[in-house]
C-alpha atoms as a PDB file:
ATOM      1  CA  MET A   1      80.527  72.472 124.920  1.00  0.00           C
ATOM      2  CA  LEU A   2      83.419  72.233 122.455  1.00  0.00           C
ATOM      3  CA  ASN A   3      82.560  75.602 120.874  1.00  0.00           C
ATOM      4  CA  LEU A   4      82.320  77.196 124.316  1.00  0.00           C
ATOM      5  CA  LEU A   5      85.761  75.822 125.211  1.00  0.00           C
ATOM      6  CA  LYS A   6      87.211  77.231 121.970  1.00  0.00           C
ATOM      7  CA  GLN A   7      85.745  80.667 122.766  1.00  0.00           C
ATOM      8  CA  ILE A   8      87.242  80.624 126.267  1.00  0.00           C
ATOM      9  CA  ILE A   9      90.686  79.670 124.906  1.00  0.00           C
ATOM     10  CA  TYR A  10      90.475  82.346 122.203  1.00  0.00           C
ATOM     11  CA  LYS A  11      89.536  85.090 124.696  1.00  0.00           C
ATOM     12  CA  THR A  12      92.316  83.992 127.061  1.00  0.00           C
ATOM     13  CA  ILE A  13      94.924  84.173 124.284  1.00  0.00           C
ATOM     14  CA  LYS A  14      93.710  87.660 123.298  1.00  0.00           C
ATOM     15  CA  LYS A  15      94.058  88.865 126.900  1.00  0.00           C
ATOM     16  CA  LEU A  16      97.677  87.711 126.847  1.00  0.00           C
ATOM     17  CA  GLY A  17      98.295  89.915 123.826  1.00  0.00           C
ATOM     18  CA  TYR A  18      98.332  87.280 121.113  1.00  0.00           C
ATOM     19  CA  THR A  19      96.084  87.070 118.072  1.00  0.00           C
ATOM     20  CA  VAL A  20      94.609  83.978 116.487  1.00  0.00           C
ATOM     21  CA  GLU A  21      94.143  83.658 112.737  1.00  0.00           C
ATOM     22  CA  LYS A  22      90.640  82.592 111.777  1.00  0.00           C
ATOM     23  CA  ASN A  23      88.898  82.794 108.425  1.00  0.00           C
ATOM     24  CA  LYS A  24      86.937  85.855 109.553  1.00  0.00           C
ATOM     25  CA  PRO A  25      88.500  86.841 112.916  1.00  0.00           C
ATOM     26  CA  VAL A  26      86.544  90.070 113.367  1.00  0.00           C
ATOM     27  CA  GLY A  27      83.276  89.330 111.600  1.00  0.00           C
ATOM     28  CA  LYS A  28      81.798  92.380 109.853  1.00  0.00           C
ATOM     29  CA  ASN A  29      84.960  94.387 110.671  1.00  0.00           C
ATOM     30  CA  PHE A  30      87.158  92.127 108.517  1.00  0.00           C
ATOM     31  CA  ASP A  31      86.678  94.273 105.413  1.00  0.00           C
ATOM     32  CA  ILE A  32      87.519  97.414 107.399  1.00  0.00           C
ATOM     33  CA  LEU A  33      90.772  95.925 108.654  1.00  0.00           C
ATOM     34  CA  TYR A  34      92.093  94.473 105.417  1.00  0.00           C
ATOM     35  CA  PRO A  35      91.822  95.884 101.863  1.00  0.00           C
ATOM     36  CA  GLN A  36      90.001  93.551  99.481  1.00  0.00           C
ATOM     37  CA  LYS A  37      93.056  93.005  97.269  1.00  0.00           C
ATOM     38  CA  LEU A  38      95.127  91.995 100.289  1.00  0.00           C
ATOM     39  CA  GLN A  39      92.404  89.560 101.349  1.00  0.00           C
ATOM     40  CA  ASN A  40      92.291  88.058  97.854  1.00  0.00           C
ATOM     41  CA  ASP A  41      96.076  87.729  97.621  1.00  0.00           C
ATOM     42  CA  PHE A  42      96.278  86.177 101.079  1.00  0.00           C
ATOM     43  CA  GLU A  43      93.780  83.499 100.042  1.00  0.00           C
ATOM     44  CA  GLU A  44      96.430  82.285  97.582  1.00  0.00           C
ATOM     45  CA  ILE A  45      99.446  82.859  99.844  1.00  0.00           C
ATOM     46  CA  LYS A  46      97.986  80.908 102.763  1.00  0.00           C
ATOM     47  CA  LYS A  47      97.947  77.782 100.580  1.00  0.00           C
ATOM     48  CA  LEU A  48     101.695  77.711 101.242  1.00  0.00           C
ATOM     49  CA  ASN A  49     102.562  75.981 104.499  1.00  0.00           C
ATOM     50  CA  GLY A  50     103.942  78.190 107.234  1.00  0.00           C
ATOM     51  CA  PHE A  51     103.039  80.689 109.928  1.00  0.00           C
ATOM     52  CA  LEU A  52     102.250  84.095 108.404  1.00  0.00           C
ATOM     53  CA  ASN A  53      98.682  85.306 108.940  1.00  0.00           C
ATOM     54  CA  ILE A  54      96.753  88.141 107.321  1.00  0.00           C
ATOM     55  CA  GLU A  55      97.536  90.568 110.169  1.00  0.00           C
ATOM     56  CA  GLU A  56     101.259  90.152 109.513  1.00  0.00           C
ATOM     57  CA  MET A  57     100.814  90.550 105.750  1.00  0.00           C
ATOM     58  CA  ASN A  58      98.836  93.720 106.409  1.00  0.00           C
ATOM     59  CA  LEU A  59     101.673  94.955 108.640  1.00  0.00           C
ATOM     60  CA  PHE A  60     104.172  94.348 105.804  1.00  0.00           C
ATOM     61  CA  ALA A  61     101.979  96.417 103.483  1.00  0.00           C
ATOM     62  CA  ASN A  62     101.652  99.278 105.978  1.00  0.00           C
ATOM     63  CA  LEU A  63     105.415  99.329 106.631  1.00  0.00           C
ATOM     64  CA  ILE A  64     106.249  99.419 102.922  1.00  0.00           C
ATOM     65  CA  ASN A  65     103.610 102.063 102.197  1.00  0.00           C
ATOM     66  CA  ALA A  66     104.968 104.283 104.972  1.00  0.00           C
ATOM     67  CA  GLN A  67     108.399 104.481 103.337  1.00  0.00           C
ATOM     68  CA  PRO A  68     109.259 106.904 100.540  1.00  0.00           C
ATOM     69  CA  GLN A  69     109.309 104.951  97.291  1.00  0.00           C
ATOM     70  CA  ASN A  70     112.688 103.716  96.127  1.00  0.00           C
ATOM     71  CA  ASN A  71     113.968 100.775  94.128  1.00  0.00           C
ATOM     72  CA  ASN A  72     116.132  99.153  96.774  1.00  0.00           C
ATOM     73  CA  PRO A  73     115.219  95.483  97.229  1.00  0.00           C
ATOM     74  CA  ILE A  74     113.843  93.593 100.234  1.00  0.00           C
ATOM     75  CA  LEU A  75     115.699  90.857 102.125  1.00  0.00           C
ATOM     76  CA  GLU A  76     114.319  87.950 104.132  1.00  0.00           C
ATOM     77  CA  ILE A  77     116.517  85.756 106.305  1.00  0.00           C
ATOM     78  CA  GLY A  78     114.655  82.471 106.816  1.00  0.00           C
ATOM     79  CA  VAL A  79     112.158  81.589 104.081  1.00  0.00           C
ATOM     80  CA  PHE A  80     110.857  78.225 105.370  1.00  0.00           C
ATOM     81  CA  CYS A  81     107.868  77.568 103.067  1.00  0.00           C
ATOM     82  CA  GLY A  82     107.701  81.043 101.552  1.00  0.00           C
ATOM     83  CA  ARG A  83     104.559  82.616 103.002  1.00  0.00           C
ATOM     84  CA  SER A  84     106.161  85.839 104.250  1.00  0.00           C
ATOM     85  CA  LEU A  85     108.552  86.060 101.289  1.00  0.00           C
ATOM     86  CA  THR A  86     105.656  85.825  98.835  1.00  0.00           C
ATOM     87  CA  ALA A  87     103.574  88.284 100.882  1.00  0.00           C
ATOM     88  CA  MET A  88     106.348  90.902 100.954  1.00  0.00           C
ATOM     89  CA  ALA A  89     106.942  90.609  97.220  1.00  0.00           C
ATOM     90  CA  CYS A  90     103.197  90.828  96.611  1.00  0.00           C
ATOM     91  CA  VAL A  91     102.583  93.998  98.660  1.00  0.00           C
ATOM     92  CA  SER A  92     105.783  95.765  97.492  1.00  0.00           C
ATOM     93  CA  ASN A  93     106.225  94.633  93.871  1.00  0.00           C
ATOM     94  CA  LEU A  94     109.971  94.958  94.506  1.00  0.00           C
ATOM     95  CA  LYS A  95     112.888  92.599  94.076  1.00  0.00           C
ATOM     96  CA  THR A  96     112.740  90.315  97.108  1.00  0.00           C
ATOM     97  CA  VAL A  97     115.676  88.114  98.119  1.00  0.00           C
ATOM     98  CA  GLY A  98     115.044  85.112 100.372  1.00  0.00           C
ATOM     99  CA  VAL A  99     117.905  83.378 102.181  1.00  0.00           C
ATOM    100  CA  ASP A 100     117.358  79.850 103.470  1.00  0.00           C
ATOM    101  CA  PRO A 101     119.316  76.565 103.356  1.00  0.00           C
ATOM    102  CA  PHE A 102     116.033  74.673 102.741  1.00  0.00           C
ATOM    103  CA  PHE A 103     116.880  71.816 105.058  1.00  0.00           C
ATOM    104  CA  GLU A 104     115.492  68.395 104.271  1.00  0.00           C
ATOM    105  CA  ASP A 105     116.043  67.381 107.895  1.00  0.00           C
ATOM    106  CA  PHE A 106     115.202  70.000 110.542  1.00  0.00           C
ATOM    107  CA  ASN A 107     116.852  67.932 113.257  1.00  0.00           C
ATOM    108  CA  ASN A 108     120.204  69.703 112.927  1.00  0.00           C
ATOM    109  CA  LYS A 109     122.534  71.917 114.960  1.00  0.00           C
ATOM    110  CA  TYR A 110     120.746  75.099 113.797  1.00  0.00           C
ATOM    111  CA  ALA A 111     117.343  74.073 115.149  1.00  0.00           C
ATOM    112  CA  VAL A 112     116.147  75.348 118.514  1.00  0.00           C
ATOM    113  CA  LYS A 113     115.667  72.523 121.002  1.00  0.00           C
ATOM    114  CA  ASP A 114     112.600  70.351 120.360  1.00  0.00           C
ATOM    115  CA  GLU A 115     111.406  72.310 117.295  1.00  0.00           C
ATOM    116  CA  ALA A 116     112.506  69.885 114.539  1.00  0.00           C
ATOM    117  CA  ILE A 117     109.360  67.732 114.646  1.00  0.00           C
ATOM    118  CA  TYR A 118     107.132  70.811 114.771  1.00  0.00           C
ATOM    119  CA  LEU A 119     108.850  72.446 111.770  1.00  0.00           C
ATOM    120  CA  ALA A 120     108.711  69.246 109.737  1.00  0.00           C
ATOM    121  CA  ARG A 121     105.001  68.958 110.476  1.00  0.00           C
ATOM    122  CA  LYS A 122     104.394  72.592 109.445  1.00  0.00           C
ATOM    123  CA  THR A 123     105.994  71.907 106.031  1.00  0.00           C
ATOM    124  CA  GLY A 124     103.351  69.255 105.416  1.00  0.00           C
ATOM    125  CA  GLN A 125     106.229  66.733 105.311  1.00  0.00           C
ATOM    126  CA  THR A 126     107.303  68.154 101.933  1.00  0.00           C
ATOM    127  CA  THR A 127     110.833  68.034 100.547  1.00  0.00           C
ATOM    128  CA  ALA A 128     112.950  71.142  99.987  1.00  0.00           C
ATOM    129  CA  GLN A 129     112.392  70.966  96.235  1.00  0.00           C
ATOM    130  CA  GLU A 130     108.644  70.648  96.723  1.00  0.00           C
ATOM    131  CA  ARG A 131     108.636  73.724  98.982  1.00  0.00           C
ATOM    132  CA  ILE A 132     110.599  75.755  96.410  1.00  0.00           C
ATOM    133  CA  LYS A 133     108.321  74.624  93.595  1.00  0.00           C
ATOM    134  CA  LYS A 134     105.225  75.641  95.581  1.00  0.00           C
ATOM    135  CA  ILE A 135     106.650  79.132  96.158  1.00  0.00           C
ATOM    136  CA  TYR A 136     107.164  79.729  92.454  1.00  0.00           C
ATOM    137  CA  ASN A 137     103.771  78.230  91.602  1.00  0.00           C
ATOM    138  CA  SER A 138     102.139  80.642  94.042  1.00  0.00           C
ATOM    139  CA  LEU A 139     104.029  83.584  92.518  1.00  0.00           C
ATOM    140  CA  LYS A 140     102.934  82.480  89.055  1.00  0.00           C
ATOM    141  CA  ILE A 141      99.268  82.379  90.121  1.00  0.00           C
ATOM    142  CA  LEU A 142      99.508  85.822  91.740  1.00  0.00           C
ATOM    143  CA  ASP A 143     101.200  87.188  88.609  1.00  0.00           C
ATOM    144  CA  LYS A 144      98.403  85.912  86.404  1.00  0.00           C
ATOM    145  CA  LYS A 145      95.730  87.337  88.694  1.00  0.00           C
ATOM    146  CA  ASN A 146      97.366  90.730  89.310  1.00  0.00           C
ATOM    147  CA  LYS A 147      99.283  91.160  86.031  1.00  0.00           C
ATOM    148  CA  THR A 148     102.578  91.453  87.922  1.00  0.00           C
ATOM    149  CA  ASN A 149     106.033  89.949  87.499  1.00  0.00           C
ATOM    150  CA  LEU A 150     106.699  88.544  90.958  1.00  0.00           C
ATOM    151  CA  LYS A 151     108.168  85.286  89.666  1.00  0.00           C
ATOM    152  CA  ASN A 152     111.091  87.235  88.222  1.00  0.00           C
ATOM    153  CA  LEU A 153     111.348  89.624  91.173  1.00  0.00           C
ATOM    154  CA  VAL A 154     111.806  86.901  93.805  1.00  0.00           C
ATOM    155  CA  LYS A 155     115.281  85.414  94.125  1.00  0.00           C
ATOM    156  CA  LEU A 156     116.068  82.479  96.404  1.00  0.00           C
ATOM    157  CA  GLU A 157     119.554  82.199  97.893  1.00  0.00           C
ATOM    158  CA  ILE A 158     119.729  78.564  98.991  1.00  0.00           C
ATOM    159  CA  LYS A 159     122.420  78.868 101.647  1.00  0.00           C
ATOM    160  CA  LEU A 160     123.009  79.529 105.320  1.00  0.00           C
ATOM    161  CA  GLN A 161     122.889  83.067 106.670  1.00  0.00           C
ATOM    162  CA  ASP A 162     126.660  83.332 107.165  1.00  0.00           C
ATOM    163  CA  GLU A 163     127.338  81.962 103.670  1.00  0.00           C
ATOM    164  CA  PHE A 164     125.037  84.593 102.188  1.00  0.00           C
ATOM    165  CA  ILE A 165     126.714  87.401 104.140  1.00  0.00           C
ATOM    166  CA  LYS A 166     130.164  86.264 103.056  1.00  0.00           C
ATOM    167  CA  ASN A 167     129.421  85.701  99.353  1.00  0.00           C
ATOM    168  CA  ARG A 168     126.603  88.138  98.552  1.00  0.00           C
ATOM    169  CA  ASN A 169     126.680  90.967  96.038  1.00  0.00           C
ATOM    170  CA  LYS A 170     128.308  93.729  98.108  1.00  0.00           C
ATOM    171  CA  GLU A 171     126.870  96.434  95.849  1.00  0.00           C
ATOM    172  CA  GLU A 172     123.285  95.527  96.725  1.00  0.00           C
ATOM    173  CA  LYS A 173     121.716  97.127  99.792  1.00  0.00           C
ATOM    174  CA  TYR A 174     118.200  96.663 101.110  1.00  0.00           C
ATOM    175  CA  GLN A 175     115.417  99.014 102.231  1.00  0.00           C
ATOM    176  CA  LEU A 176     113.689  96.388 104.379  1.00  0.00           C
ATOM    177  CA  ILE A 177     114.868  93.222 106.097  1.00  0.00           C
ATOM    178  CA  HIS A 178     112.696  90.509 107.674  1.00  0.00           C
ATOM    179  CA  ILE A 179     114.709  88.406 110.125  1.00  0.00           C
ATOM    180  CA  ASP A 180     113.050  85.036 110.601  1.00  0.00           C
ATOM    181  CA  GLY A 181     115.879  82.518 110.420  1.00  0.00           C
ATOM    182  CA  GLU A 182     117.660  80.729 113.236  1.00  0.00           C
ATOM    183  CA  HIS A 183     115.951  81.904 116.445  1.00  0.00           C
ATOM    184  CA  SER A 184     119.110  82.194 118.545  1.00  0.00           C
ATOM    185  CA  TYR A 185     121.017  85.037 120.181  1.00  0.00           C
ATOM    186  CA  GLY A 186     124.103  84.389 118.043  1.00  0.00           C
ATOM    187  CA  ALA A 187     122.310  84.281 114.684  1.00  0.00           C
ATOM    188  CA  VAL A 188     120.347  87.478 115.376  1.00  0.00           C
ATOM    189  CA  LYS A 189     123.448  89.293 116.660  1.00  0.00           C
ATOM    190  CA  ASP A 190     125.421  88.212 113.585  1.00  0.00           C
ATOM    191  CA  ILE A 191     122.890  89.708 111.186  1.00  0.00           C
ATOM    192  CA  ILE A 192     122.597  92.924 113.236  1.00  0.00           C
ATOM    193  CA  ASP A 193     126.397  93.224 113.062  1.00  0.00           C
ATOM    194  CA  GLU A 194     126.048  93.373 109.256  1.00  0.00           C
ATOM    195  CA  PHE A 195     123.428  96.122 109.049  1.00  0.00           C
ATOM    196  CA  ASP A 196     125.949  98.747 107.922  1.00  0.00           C
ATOM    197  CA  ASN A 197     126.849  96.525 104.979  1.00  0.00           C
ATOM    198  CA  LEU A 198     123.312  95.324 104.230  1.00  0.00           C
ATOM    199  CA  LEU A 199     120.957  98.258 104.715  1.00  0.00           C
ATOM    200  CA  VAL A 200     120.446 101.744 103.345  1.00  0.00           C
ATOM    201  CA  PRO A 201     119.769 104.579 105.823  1.00  0.00           C
ATOM    202  CA  SER A 202     116.168 104.808 107.076  1.00  0.00           C
ATOM    203  CA  SER A 203     115.514 101.169 106.194  1.00  0.00           C
ATOM    204  CA  ILE A 204     112.944  99.058 108.059  1.00  0.00           C
ATOM    205  CA  ILE A 205     113.964  96.075 110.205  1.00  0.00           C
ATOM    206  CA  ILE A 206     111.318  93.451 111.054  1.00  0.00           C
ATOM    207  CA  ILE A 207     112.259  90.746 113.549  1.00  0.00           C
ATOM    208  CA  ASP A 208     109.944  87.755 113.941  1.00  0.00           C
ATOM    209  CA  ASP A 209     109.011  86.225 117.308  1.00  0.00           C
ATOM    210  CA  PHE A 210     110.547  89.245 118.987  1.00  0.00           C
ATOM    211  CA  LEU A 211     108.723  88.977 122.309  1.00  0.00           C
ATOM    212  CA  ASN A 212     108.078  85.241 122.139  1.00  0.00           C
ATOM    213  CA  TYR A 213     109.070  83.809 125.529  1.00  0.00           C
ATOM    214  CA  SER A 214     110.235  80.611 123.790  1.00  0.00           C
ATOM    215  CA  HIS A 215     112.998  82.543 121.996  1.00  0.00           C
ATOM    216  CA  PRO A 216     114.418  85.075 124.502  1.00  0.00           C
ATOM    217  CA  GLY A 217     117.720  85.331 122.618  1.00  0.00           C
ATOM    218  CA  ILE A 218     116.062  87.322 119.820  1.00  0.00           C
ATOM    219  CA  ALA A 219     115.178  90.347 121.961  1.00  0.00           C
ATOM    220  CA  GLU A 220     118.354  89.980 124.018  1.00  0.00           C
ATOM    221  CA  ALA A 221     120.550  90.150 120.906  1.00  0.00           C
ATOM    222  CA  THR A 222     118.759  93.341 119.821  1.00  0.00           C
ATOM    223  CA  TYR A 223     118.561  95.198 123.128  1.00  0.00           C
ATOM    224  CA  SER A 224     122.127  94.323 124.167  1.00  0.00           C
ATOM    225  CA  HIS A 225     123.660  95.248 120.816  1.00  0.00           C
ATOM    226  CA  PRO A 226     126.008  98.267 121.036  1.00  0.00           C
ATOM    227  CA  ASN A 227     124.148  99.932 118.141  1.00  0.00           C
ATOM    228  CA  TYR A 228     120.723  99.734 119.783  1.00  0.00           C
ATOM    229  CA  LYS A 229     119.338 103.299 120.030  1.00  0.00           C
ATOM    230  CA  LYS A 230     122.452 104.563 118.245  1.00  0.00           C
ATOM    231  CA  THR A 231     121.695 103.360 114.721  1.00  0.00           C
ATOM    232  CA  ILE A 232     118.778 100.996 115.488  1.00  0.00           C
ATOM    233  CA  PHE A 233     115.594 102.588 116.854  1.00  0.00           C
ATOM    234  CA  PRO A 234     112.310 100.893 117.855  1.00  0.00           C
ATOM    235  CA  ILE A 235     109.138 101.720 115.941  1.00  0.00           C
ATOM    236  CA  LEU A 236     106.535  99.215 117.077  1.00  0.00           C
ATOM    237  CA  TYR A 237     105.872  95.831 118.641  1.00  0.00           C
ATOM    238  CA  GLY A 238     102.893  93.875 117.411  1.00  0.00           C
ATOM    239  CA  PHE A 239     101.573  90.921 115.440  1.00  0.00           C
ATOM    240  CA  ASN A 240     104.470  88.773 116.702  1.00  0.00           C
ATOM    241  CA  LYS A 241     107.042  91.223 115.292  1.00  0.00           C
ATOM    242  CA  GLY A 242     109.476  93.826 116.537  1.00  0.00           C
ATOM    243  CA  VAL A 243     109.899  96.658 114.030  1.00  0.00           C
ATOM    244  CA  PHE A 244     112.871  99.043 114.007  1.00  0.00           C
ATOM    245  CA  MET A 245     114.471 101.666 111.794  1.00  0.00           C
ATOM    246  CA  PHE A 246     118.135 101.704 110.803  1.00  0.00           C
ATOM    247  CA  LYS A 247     119.849 105.102 110.775  1.00  0.00           C
ATOM    248  CA  PRO A 248     116.811 107.391 110.469  1.00  0.00           C
ATOM    249  CA  LYS A 249     117.826 110.723 108.995  1.00  0.00           C
ATOM    250  CA  SER A 250     116.369 112.537 112.008  1.00  0.00           C
ATOM    251  CA  GLN A 251     114.213 112.016 115.080  1.00  0.00           C
ATOM    252  CA  GLU A 252     111.472 113.979 113.336  1.00  0.00           C
ATOM    253  CA  TYR A 253     111.618 111.608 110.384  1.00  0.00           C
ATOM    254  CA  LEU A 254     111.415 108.577 112.700  1.00  0.00           C
ATOM    255  CA  ASN A 255     108.306 110.046 114.344  1.00  0.00           C
ATOM    256  CA  GLU A 256     106.804 110.792 110.923  1.00  0.00           C
ATOM    257  CA  ILE A 257     107.260 107.168 109.821  1.00  0.00           C
ATOM    258  CA  ARG A 258     105.770 105.912 113.095  1.00  0.00           C
ATOM    259  CA  ASN A 259     102.684 108.052 112.508  1.00  0.00           C
ATOM    260  CA  LYS A 260     102.341 106.861 108.899  1.00  0.00           C
ATOM    261  CA  ILE A 261     102.552 103.232 109.989  1.00  0.00           C
ATOM    262  CA  LEU A 262      99.985 103.809 112.720  1.00  0.00           C
ATOM    263  CA  ALA A 263      97.522 105.703 110.497  1.00  0.00           C
ATOM    264  CA  PRO A 264      95.749 102.666 108.918  1.00  0.00           C
ATOM    265  CA  TYR A 265      95.005 101.095 112.297  1.00  0.00           C
ATOM    266  CA  SER A 266      91.659 101.877 113.902  1.00  0.00           C
ATOM    267  CA  ARG A 267      91.641 102.546 117.632  1.00  0.00           C
ATOM    268  CA  SER A 268      88.156 101.050 117.793  1.00  0.00           C
ATOM    269  CA  LEU A 269      89.545  97.725 116.534  1.00  0.00           C
ATOM    270  CA  HIS A 270      93.095  97.777 117.938  1.00  0.00           C
ATOM    271  CA  GLN A 271      94.680  98.319 121.313  1.00  0.00           C
ATOM    272  CA  ILE A 272      97.434 100.890 120.723  1.00  0.00           C
ATOM    273  CA  ASN A 273      99.873 102.106 123.382  1.00  0.00           C
ATOM    274  CA  LYS A 274     102.843 104.461 123.201  1.00  0.00           C
ATOM    275  CA  LEU A 275     105.899 103.601 125.287  1.00  0.00           C
ATOM    276  CA  SER A 276     108.294 106.045 126.941  1.00  0.00           C
ATOM    277  CA  ASP A 277     110.718 105.852 123.999  1.00  0.00           C
ATOM    278  CA  LYS A 278     107.808 106.746 121.622  1.00  0.00           C
ATOM    279  CA  SER A 279     107.649 103.258 120.162  1.00  0.00           C
ATOM    280  CA  ILE A 280     104.213 101.657 119.837  1.00  0.00           C
ATOM    281  CA  THR A 281     102.579  98.428 120.926  1.00  0.00           C
ATOM    282  CA  ILE A 282      99.603  97.317 118.880  1.00  0.00           C
ATOM    283  CA  ARG A 283      97.287  94.335 118.834  1.00  0.00           C
ATOM    284  CA  LEU A 284      93.887  93.433 117.443  1.00  0.00           C
ATOM    285  CA  LEU A 285      91.103  93.663 119.996  1.00  0.00           C
END
């Protein structure tokens, strides 16, 4: 009876457009969906507390692989316990900067209403220093396994978003940004306001919880921004993310990147739809 109830809940969630991380969510198709190296690396990364699942890590890899190679770094706003930060560094092998105040107490003015207890529980009740130590331990293990240098490529900026923007190295610009910090209209708008100073042309913007009904301010801040569809163009919505491009060099180039991102996804395993503005919605069947 319990297993039957779980199956009903799982199917209901899928119909609503969400995906549920399981050890082998698609049975024999798991190896088709995710390259073996990504699976192996995720086994280590998921030991960190947090929210990122293998679908999202795979999306990071596809987004990075779709871009022409360059040495500009990656930026994450909102590190939490480091899952997505570690995943992005792992799939890119690029300098990856993570900005987070690493709160000891999540019950503060920056927390969305009623989320403090939930966030504290998701950390495993660990301290800020313990969370930071676990991130670097995970990087060290991945380095040993893959013969990489991630531990020296990842840089933590332990500060609030606005402090980072004010005091950062103004010479450094990023080719990809993952926005997963304070889930409010004001915080998202503030970081979008800085795109000209933060991002190189044709960079990728990933915004977490974009269509999550619990955080409507995220999409509102994006869609109502004066630069939306002027310098910020939608690419896809899926796996709990909204993905955009900043200042594409042409409409043709934007379409080319969309097609490259879409290429690894199988229509037999994913529901893929194109919207009127040529952006894509995608989810695992």
